[in-house]
Amino acid sequence: MHSSTLSFRAGDDFAEQTRALANIVGLKSSDYIRQAVREKNERVMAQRIAALSRELSAEHLAVNESLEGSLADGLD
């Protein structure tokens, strides 16, 4: 696996809190941050999928409702 370095500026309070929490759960701060970002990405993706699913469902319902009146067309 190829790895890249990602850096960002963080305030002293944020950095210290992150180090402390990582230590509590027994992780290096880089592993803790990596896990946190991965979990956040998964939540965002799940929210996006849910939003797209709702949108598709609404479109499907609209198509079904528009076709409902034509079900008996030409049938005896």
Protein backbone atom coordinates (compact mmCIF):
# COMPACT_ATOMS: atom_id res chain seq x y z
CA MET A 1 0.00 0.00 0.00
CA HIS A 2 1.31 3.41 -0.93
CA SER A 3 0.92 5.99 1.78
CA SER A 4 0.83 9.75 1.56
CA THR A 5 1.34 12.40 4.14
CA LEU A 6 -1.54 14.68 4.97
CA SER A 7 -0.94 17.63 7.23
CA PHE A 8 -3.17 20.33 8.67
CA ARG A 9 -2.91 23.10 11.19
CA ALA A 10 -4.60 22.58 14.52
CA GLY A 11 -4.68 24.65 17.65
CA ASP A 12 -2.76 23.56 20.71
CA ASP A 13 -5.96 22.63 22.57
CA PHE A 14 -7.15 20.42 19.72
CA ALA A 15 -3.77 18.73 19.38
CA GLU A 16 -3.47 18.06 23.11
CA GLN A 17 -7.04 16.75 23.39
CA THR A 18 -6.45 14.49 20.38
CA ARG A 19 -3.22 13.12 21.87
CA ALA A 20 -4.92 12.54 25.23
CA LEU A 21 -7.93 10.73 23.73
CA ALA A 22 -5.70 8.64 21.48
CA ASN A 23 -3.66 7.65 24.52
CA ILE A 24 -6.81 6.68 26.44
CA VAL A 25 -7.89 4.27 23.71
CA GLY A 26 -4.35 2.99 23.21
CA LEU A 27 -3.66 4.43 19.76
CA LYS A 28 -0.99 6.67 18.31
CA SER A 29 -2.45 10.08 17.55
CA SER A 30 -1.99 9.50 13.79
CA ASP A 31 -3.93 6.22 14.00
CA TYR A 32 -6.63 7.91 16.09
CA ILE A 33 -7.02 10.72 13.54
CA ARG A 34 -6.99 8.23 10.64
CA GLN A 35 -9.78 6.21 12.29
CA ALA A 36 -11.80 9.34 13.07
CA VAL A 37 -11.58 10.57 9.48
CA ARG A 38 -12.49 7.13 8.13
CA GLU A 39 -15.56 6.99 10.40
CA LYS A 40 -16.58 10.52 9.37
CA ASN A 41 -16.19 9.63 5.68
CA GLU A 42 -18.37 6.55 6.17
CA ARG A 43 -21.09 8.64 7.88
CA VAL A 44 -21.02 11.24 5.12
CA MET A 45 -21.23 8.53 2.45
CA ALA A 46 -24.14 6.83 4.26
CA GLN A 47 -25.97 10.17 4.49
CA ARG A 48 -25.36 10.79 0.78
CA ILE A 49 -26.64 7.32 -0.15
CA ALA A 50 -29.72 7.82 2.02
CA ALA A 51 -30.43 11.21 0.40
CA LEU A 52 -30.05 9.76 -3.10
CA SER A 53 -32.27 6.83 -2.14
CA ARG A 54 -34.99 9.20 -0.92
CA GLU A 55 -34.69 11.23 -4.12
CA LEU A 56 -34.94 8.14 -6.30
CA SER A 57 -37.88 6.84 -4.28
CA ALA A 58 -39.72 10.14 -4.75
CA GLU A 59 -39.07 10.04 -8.50
CA HIS A 60 -40.24 6.42 -8.66
CA LEU A 61 -43.43 7.31 -6.79
CA ALA A 62 -44.09 10.23 -9.13
CA VAL A 63 -43.69 8.02 -12.21
CA ASN A 64 -45.96 5.35 -10.72
CA GLU A 65 -48.62 7.94 -9.89
CA SER A 66 -48.44 9.40 -13.39
CA LEU A 67 -48.91 5.98 -14.95
CA GLU A 68 -51.64 4.84 -12.54
CA GLY A 69 -54.42 6.46 -14.54
CA SER A 70 -53.34 4.73 -17.73
CA LEU A 71 -53.58 1.19 -16.37
CA ALA A 72 -57.09 0.68 -17.70
CA ASP A 73 -56.53 2.42 -21.08
CA GLY A 74 -57.70 0.18 -23.88
CA LEU A 75 -58.61 -2.70 -21.60
CA ASP A 76 -62.09 -4.07 -21.24
